[in-house]
Amino acid sequence: MRSFVTQLPARLLVAIMFVAVVYPLVWMFFGSLKTQEEFLNNSAWSLPQEWVWSNYASAWTDGNLATYVRNSVITVFPALAVIVLAGTAAGFALEVMVWKGRNTVLLMFLLGIMVPAQMILLPLFTAYFEIGITGTLWPLFITYCAIGLPLTVFMMATYFRAVPREIFEAAVLDGASIYKAFFLVGFPMVRNAVVTVALVQFFFIWNDLLIALTFTSSDDLRTIQAGLLNFTGEFGQTQYGPLFAAICINVFGTLALYLFLNQKVMKGMAGGAVKG
């Protein structure tokens, strides 16, 4: 009984946090199943009287959500592949390989983390305009890669620091080249860390609004976050059911991805703290 009383404040705090996180998701889901009349005439907190699943189809087609999702996929996943592969290779080169000037290069990457994205958007827009790639998705891809690489390089260098050097030395003594040491030894040993870094970068790029609004002017080039901002304009007036349905598709899709990779993320975060 005494143990229950002493743990009661902690349990109440966990319960409050759980409700604060879960309740908005449940409210949003029920809102996606309401009719327009229910939004206008009933309380915002009431349950749907009629479950309108067609709101999801309307959001996907009439709301142009399919185009927004396609643009996000085309932009996010190629940029993510470049960030993860190049960042992991750079982290390996900066932490495992011994060469003159590597500390200076790492410092330059650290400086890249400190530069706010807002400071470089206007110069980048001017550069993209001069080389003639505005009006395409290339500005988003290039900008995401440039912004995502510094943090990825720093994090992967930290993870490689936790790997014993004797493993790489043994691989080299057995005749492995530097490329085999990276792909066959180093990369598999930090695979959980790679998943962690990839997920961090994925959420940053997928949820980006500022960069997407800056470099896309056409509705056909909008990513999902920028598209949701203009979603109500597709219907003449705010159609809350399809709008909530579009938000649910975005939120629950990314939430499912995180839950699927949750264990690897936890292992990756723990792996970076093994060795300082």
Protein backbone atom coordinates (compact mmCIF):
# COMPACT_ATOMS: atom_id res chain seq x y z
CA MET A 1 0.00 0.00 0.00
CA ARG A 2 2.82 2.40 0.87
CA SER A 3 4.51 1.60 -2.43
CA PHE A 4 1.32 2.42 -4.32
CA VAL A 5 0.99 5.75 -2.51
CA THR A 6 4.59 6.74 -3.21
CA GLN A 7 4.22 5.84 -6.89
CA LEU A 8 0.86 7.60 -7.26
CA PRO A 9 2.26 11.03 -8.30
CA ALA A 10 4.44 9.42 -10.98
CA ARG A 11 1.53 7.36 -12.27
CA LEU A 12 -0.74 10.39 -12.37
CA LEU A 13 1.90 12.31 -14.31
CA VAL A 14 2.26 9.47 -16.82
CA ALA A 15 -1.54 9.28 -17.17
CA ILE A 16 -1.81 13.02 -17.78
CA MET A 17 0.97 12.91 -20.39
CA PHE A 18 -0.68 9.92 -22.07
CA VAL A 19 -4.02 11.72 -22.31
CA ALA A 20 -2.32 14.89 -23.56
CA VAL A 21 -0.68 12.96 -26.38
CA VAL A 22 -3.38 10.46 -27.32
CA TYR A 23 -6.53 12.59 -26.93
CA PRO A 24 -5.72 15.03 -29.79
CA LEU A 25 -5.10 12.07 -32.10
CA VAL A 26 -8.43 10.47 -31.18
CA TRP A 27 -10.25 13.80 -31.53
CA MET A 28 -8.66 14.36 -34.94
CA PHE A 29 -9.63 10.85 -36.11
CA PHE A 30 -13.26 11.29 -35.08
CA GLY A 31 -13.25 14.71 -36.73
CA SER A 32 -12.17 13.11 -40.01
CA LEU A 33 -15.37 11.01 -39.99
CA LYS A 34 -17.84 13.87 -39.50
CA THR A 35 -20.02 15.58 -42.07
CA GLN A 36 -19.74 19.27 -42.79
CA GLU A 37 -23.08 19.89 -41.09
CA GLU A 38 -21.86 18.28 -37.87
CA PHE A 39 -18.86 20.60 -37.77
CA LEU A 40 -21.03 23.67 -38.30
CA ASN A 41 -24.00 22.82 -36.11
CA ASN A 42 -22.70 20.53 -33.35
CA SER A 43 -20.03 20.89 -30.72
CA ALA A 44 -16.45 20.39 -31.87
CA TRP A 45 -16.05 17.78 -29.12
CA SER A 46 -19.05 15.66 -30.07
CA LEU A 47 -18.70 12.19 -31.59
CA PRO A 48 -19.64 11.71 -35.25
CA GLN A 49 -23.28 10.80 -35.70
CA GLU A 50 -22.51 9.28 -39.09
CA TRP A 51 -19.13 7.79 -39.94
CA VAL A 52 -18.22 9.32 -43.30
CA TRP A 53 -15.29 7.25 -44.56
CA SER A 54 -15.63 8.94 -47.95
CA ASN A 55 -13.83 11.94 -46.44
CA TYR A 56 -10.57 10.03 -46.94
CA ALA A 57 -11.29 9.38 -50.62
CA SER A 58 -12.27 13.02 -51.05
CA ALA A 59 -9.06 14.18 -49.40
CA TRP A 60 -6.97 11.89 -51.58
CA THR A 61 -8.55 12.89 -54.90
CA ASP A 62 -10.43 16.19 -54.66
CA GLY A 63 -7.99 17.60 -52.12
CA ASN A 64 -5.00 16.75 -54.33
CA LEU A 65 -3.39 14.85 -51.44
CA ALA A 66 -2.12 12.15 -53.79
CA THR A 67 0.00 14.74 -55.61
CA TYR A 68 1.35 16.14 -52.35
CA VAL A 69 2.30 12.70 -51.06
CA ARG A 70 3.95 11.82 -54.37
CA ASN A 71 6.04 15.00 -54.32
CA SER A 72 7.09 14.32 -50.72
CA VAL A 73 8.13 10.75 -51.55
CA ILE A 74 10.05 11.85 -54.65
CA THR A 75 11.88 14.50 -52.63
CA VAL A 76 12.34 12.88 -49.22
CA PHE A 77 13.59 9.38 -49.95
CA PRO A 78 16.31 10.21 -52.53
CA ALA A 79 17.55 13.02 -50.27
CA LEU A 80 17.45 10.66 -47.31
CA ALA A 81 19.49 8.05 -49.19
CA VAL A 82 22.17 10.61 -50.06
CA ILE A 83 22.26 12.02 -46.52
CA VAL A 84 22.56 8.62 -44.84
CA LEU A 85 25.10 7.08 -47.23
CA ALA A 86 27.29 10.17 -47.58
CA GLY A 87 26.98 11.10 -43.90
CA THR A 88 27.87 7.59 -42.71
CA ALA A 89 30.86 7.40 -45.05
CA ALA A 90 32.05 10.84 -43.92
CA GLY A 91 31.63 9.89 -40.26
CA PHE A 92 33.70 6.76 -40.88
CA ALA A 93 36.41 8.75 -42.65
CA LEU A 94 36.55 11.41 -39.94
CA GLU A 95 36.59 9.08 -36.94
CA VAL A 96 38.15 5.78 -38.05
CA MET A 97 40.62 6.82 -40.74
CA VAL A 98 43.70 8.80 -39.73
CA TRP A 99 44.62 11.65 -42.06
CA LYS A 100 45.83 15.21 -41.79
CA GLY A 101 43.16 17.88 -41.41
CA ARG A 102 40.28 15.64 -40.38
CA ASN A 103 39.61 17.71 -37.25
CA THR A 104 39.34 20.83 -39.38
CA VAL A 105 36.86 19.14 -41.71
CA LEU A 106 34.78 17.95 -38.75
CA LEU A 107 34.78 21.50 -37.39
CA MET A 108 33.44 22.76 -40.72
CA PHE A 109 30.57 20.29 -40.51
CA LEU A 110 29.88 21.46 -36.96
CA LEU A 111 29.74 25.04 -38.22
CA GLY A 112 27.15 23.88 -40.74
CA ILE A 113 24.91 22.75 -37.87
CA MET A 114 25.08 26.21 -36.30
CA VAL A 115 23.91 28.10 -39.42
CA PRO A 116 20.11 28.65 -39.32
CA ALA A 117 18.28 27.53 -42.44
CA GLN A 118 16.53 30.90 -42.67
CA MET A 119 19.86 32.62 -43.37
CA ILE A 120 20.63 30.63 -46.51
CA LEU A 121 17.22 30.46 -48.19
CA LEU A 122 17.46 33.76 -50.08
CA PRO A 123 21.01 33.14 -51.45
CA LEU A 124 19.98 29.61 -52.41
CA PHE A 125 16.84 30.85 -54.17
CA THR A 126 18.95 33.30 -56.16
CA ALA A 127 21.42 30.58 -57.11
CA TYR A 128 18.68 28.15 -58.14
CA PHE A 129 17.04 30.85 -60.25
CA GLU A 130 20.29 31.67 -62.04
CA ILE A 131 20.99 28.05 -62.95
CA GLY A 132 17.38 27.55 -64.07
CA ILE A 133 16.09 24.81 -61.79
CA THR A 134 13.27 26.76 -60.13
CA GLY A 135 9.88 25.31 -60.93
CA THR A 136 11.17 21.79 -60.23
CA LEU A 137 11.74 19.63 -57.15
CA TRP A 138 15.53 19.86 -57.48
CA PRO A 139 15.85 22.88 -55.15
CA LEU A 140 14.14 20.90 -52.37
CA PHE A 141 16.34 17.85 -52.91
CA ILE A 142 19.59 19.85 -52.92
CA THR A 143 18.63 21.98 -49.93
CA TYR A 144 17.54 19.00 -47.83
CA CYS A 145 20.82 17.22 -48.56
CA ALA A 146 22.88 20.30 -47.70
CA ILE A 147 21.04 20.95 -44.43
CA GLY A 148 20.85 17.31 -43.35
CA LEU A 149 24.48 16.31 -43.94
CA PRO A 150 26.24 18.28 -41.15
CA LEU A 151 24.18 16.78 -38.32
CA THR A 152 24.36 13.31 -39.87
CA VAL A 153 28.14 13.46 -40.21
CA PHE A 154 28.53 14.61 -36.61
CA MET A 155 26.21 11.91 -35.25
CA MET A 156 27.75 9.10 -37.29
CA ALA A 157 31.27 10.16 -36.26
CA THR A 158 30.08 9.91 -32.65
CA TYR A 159 28.71 6.41 -33.22
CA PHE A 160 31.89 5.22 -34.97
CA ARG A 161 33.86 6.52 -31.97
CA ALA A 162 32.11 3.86 -29.89
CA VAL A 163 33.34 1.03 -32.16
CA PRO A 164 36.65 -0.54 -30.95
CA ARG A 165 39.54 0.26 -33.28
CA GLU A 166 40.85 -3.29 -32.93
CA ILE A 167 37.99 -4.52 -35.12
CA PHE A 168 39.05 -2.37 -38.06
CA GLU A 169 42.72 -3.14 -37.50
CA ALA A 170 41.97 -6.87 -37.60
CA ALA A 171 39.98 -6.43 -40.81
CA VAL A 172 42.87 -4.56 -42.45
CA LEU A 173 45.37 -7.22 -41.30
CA ASP A 174 43.15 -9.86 -42.90
CA GLY A 175 43.50 -8.05 -46.20
CA ALA A 176 40.32 -5.94 -46.27
CA SER A 177 40.50 -2.71 -48.23
CA ILE A 178 39.20 0.51 -46.74
CA TYR A 179 35.97 0.08 -48.72
CA LYS A 180 35.42 -3.45 -47.41
CA ALA A 181 36.23 -2.25 -43.89
CA PHE A 182 33.48 0.31 -44.24
CA PHE A 183 30.77 -1.68 -46.01
CA LEU A 184 31.38 -5.12 -44.48
CA VAL A 185 32.57 -4.17 -40.98
CA GLY A 186 31.79 -0.59 -40.04
CA PHE A 187 28.36 -0.12 -41.63
CA PRO A 188 26.79 -3.31 -40.19
CA MET A 189 28.08 -2.46 -36.71
CA VAL A 190 26.32 0.92 -36.69
CA ARG A 191 23.16 -0.16 -38.54
CA ASN A 192 20.93 0.70 -35.57
CA ALA A 193 22.54 4.13 -35.44
CA VAL A 194 21.95 4.51 -39.17
CA VAL A 195 18.24 3.79 -38.64
CA THR A 196 18.15 6.35 -35.81
CA VAL A 197 19.82 9.06 -37.89
CA ALA A 198 17.69 8.24 -40.93
CA LEU A 199 14.49 8.52 -38.88
CA VAL A 200 15.57 11.86 -37.39
CA GLN A 201 16.31 13.23 -40.85
CA PHE A 202 13.12 11.72 -42.27
CA PHE A 203 10.90 13.52 -39.77
CA PHE A 204 12.75 16.79 -40.35
CA ILE A 205 12.40 16.63 -44.13
CA TRP A 206 8.90 15.17 -44.20
CA ASN A 207 7.55 17.78 -41.77
CA ASP A 208 9.38 20.71 -43.35
CA LEU A 209 7.21 23.67 -44.27
CA LEU A 210 9.55 26.65 -44.58
CA ILE A 211 11.84 25.26 -47.29
CA ALA A 212 8.95 23.73 -49.22
CA LEU A 213 7.06 27.04 -49.28
CA THR A 214 10.19 28.95 -50.31
CA PHE A 215 11.14 26.83 -53.31
CA THR A 216 7.75 25.69 -54.64
CA SER A 217 5.33 28.13 -56.22
CA SER A 218 3.09 25.71 -58.12
CA ASP A 219 0.45 23.60 -56.41
CA ASP A 220 1.62 20.62 -58.49
CA LEU A 221 5.02 20.81 -56.75
CA ARG A 222 3.81 21.19 -53.18
CA THR A 223 4.90 18.63 -50.64
CA ILE A 224 2.41 17.30 -48.12
CA GLN A 225 3.00 19.93 -45.42
CA ALA A 226 2.79 22.85 -47.84
CA GLY A 227 -0.18 21.21 -49.54
CA LEU A 228 -2.10 20.90 -46.27
CA LEU A 229 -1.65 24.63 -45.78
CA ASN A 230 -3.57 25.28 -49.00
CA PHE A 231 -5.90 22.34 -48.60
CA THR A 232 -9.03 24.35 -47.83
CA GLY A 233 -8.74 26.30 -51.05
CA GLU A 234 -9.55 23.22 -53.10
CA PHE A 235 -13.16 23.19 -51.90
CA GLY A 236 -14.10 26.87 -52.03
CA GLN A 237 -14.74 26.81 -48.29
CA THR A 238 -13.18 24.87 -45.45
CA GLN A 239 -14.32 21.25 -45.69
CA TYR A 240 -13.32 20.07 -42.26
CA GLY A 241 -13.97 16.36 -42.74
CA PRO A 242 -11.61 15.91 -45.73
CA LEU A 243 -9.11 18.29 -44.13
CA PHE A 244 -8.98 16.24 -40.94
CA ALA A 245 -8.77 13.07 -43.04
CA ALA A 246 -5.74 14.43 -44.88
CA ILE A 247 -4.06 15.32 -41.58
CA CYS A 248 -4.81 11.82 -40.25
CA ILE A 249 -3.19 10.20 -43.29
CA ASN A 250 -0.08 12.28 -42.72
CA VAL A 251 0.14 11.91 -38.94
CA PHE A 252 -0.78 8.25 -38.56
CA GLY A 253 1.44 7.23 -41.47
CA THR A 254 4.55 8.74 -39.90
CA LEU A 255 3.51 7.47 -36.46
CA ALA A 256 3.25 3.91 -37.78
CA LEU A 257 6.74 4.21 -39.27
CA TYR A 258 8.17 5.34 -35.95
CA LEU A 259 6.45 2.55 -34.00
CA PHE A 260 7.78 -0.01 -36.49
CA LEU A 261 11.37 1.21 -36.08
CA ASN A 262 11.14 2.16 -32.41
CA GLN A 263 13.32 -0.65 -31.04
CA LYS A 264 16.12 -0.01 -33.52
CA VAL A 265 16.00 3.69 -32.66
CA MET A 266 16.37 2.93 -28.94
CA LYS A 267 19.33 0.61 -29.64
CA GLY A 268 20.92 3.24 -31.87
CA MET A 269 20.58 5.96 -29.23
CA ALA A 270 22.08 3.68 -26.59
CA GLY A 271 24.92 2.69 -28.90
CA GLY A 272 26.14 6.27 -29.22
CA ALA A 273 26.55 6.54 -25.45
CA VAL A 274 28.73 3.46 -24.98
CA LYS A 275 32.01 5.24 -25.38
CA GLY A 276 32.87 8.89 -25.10
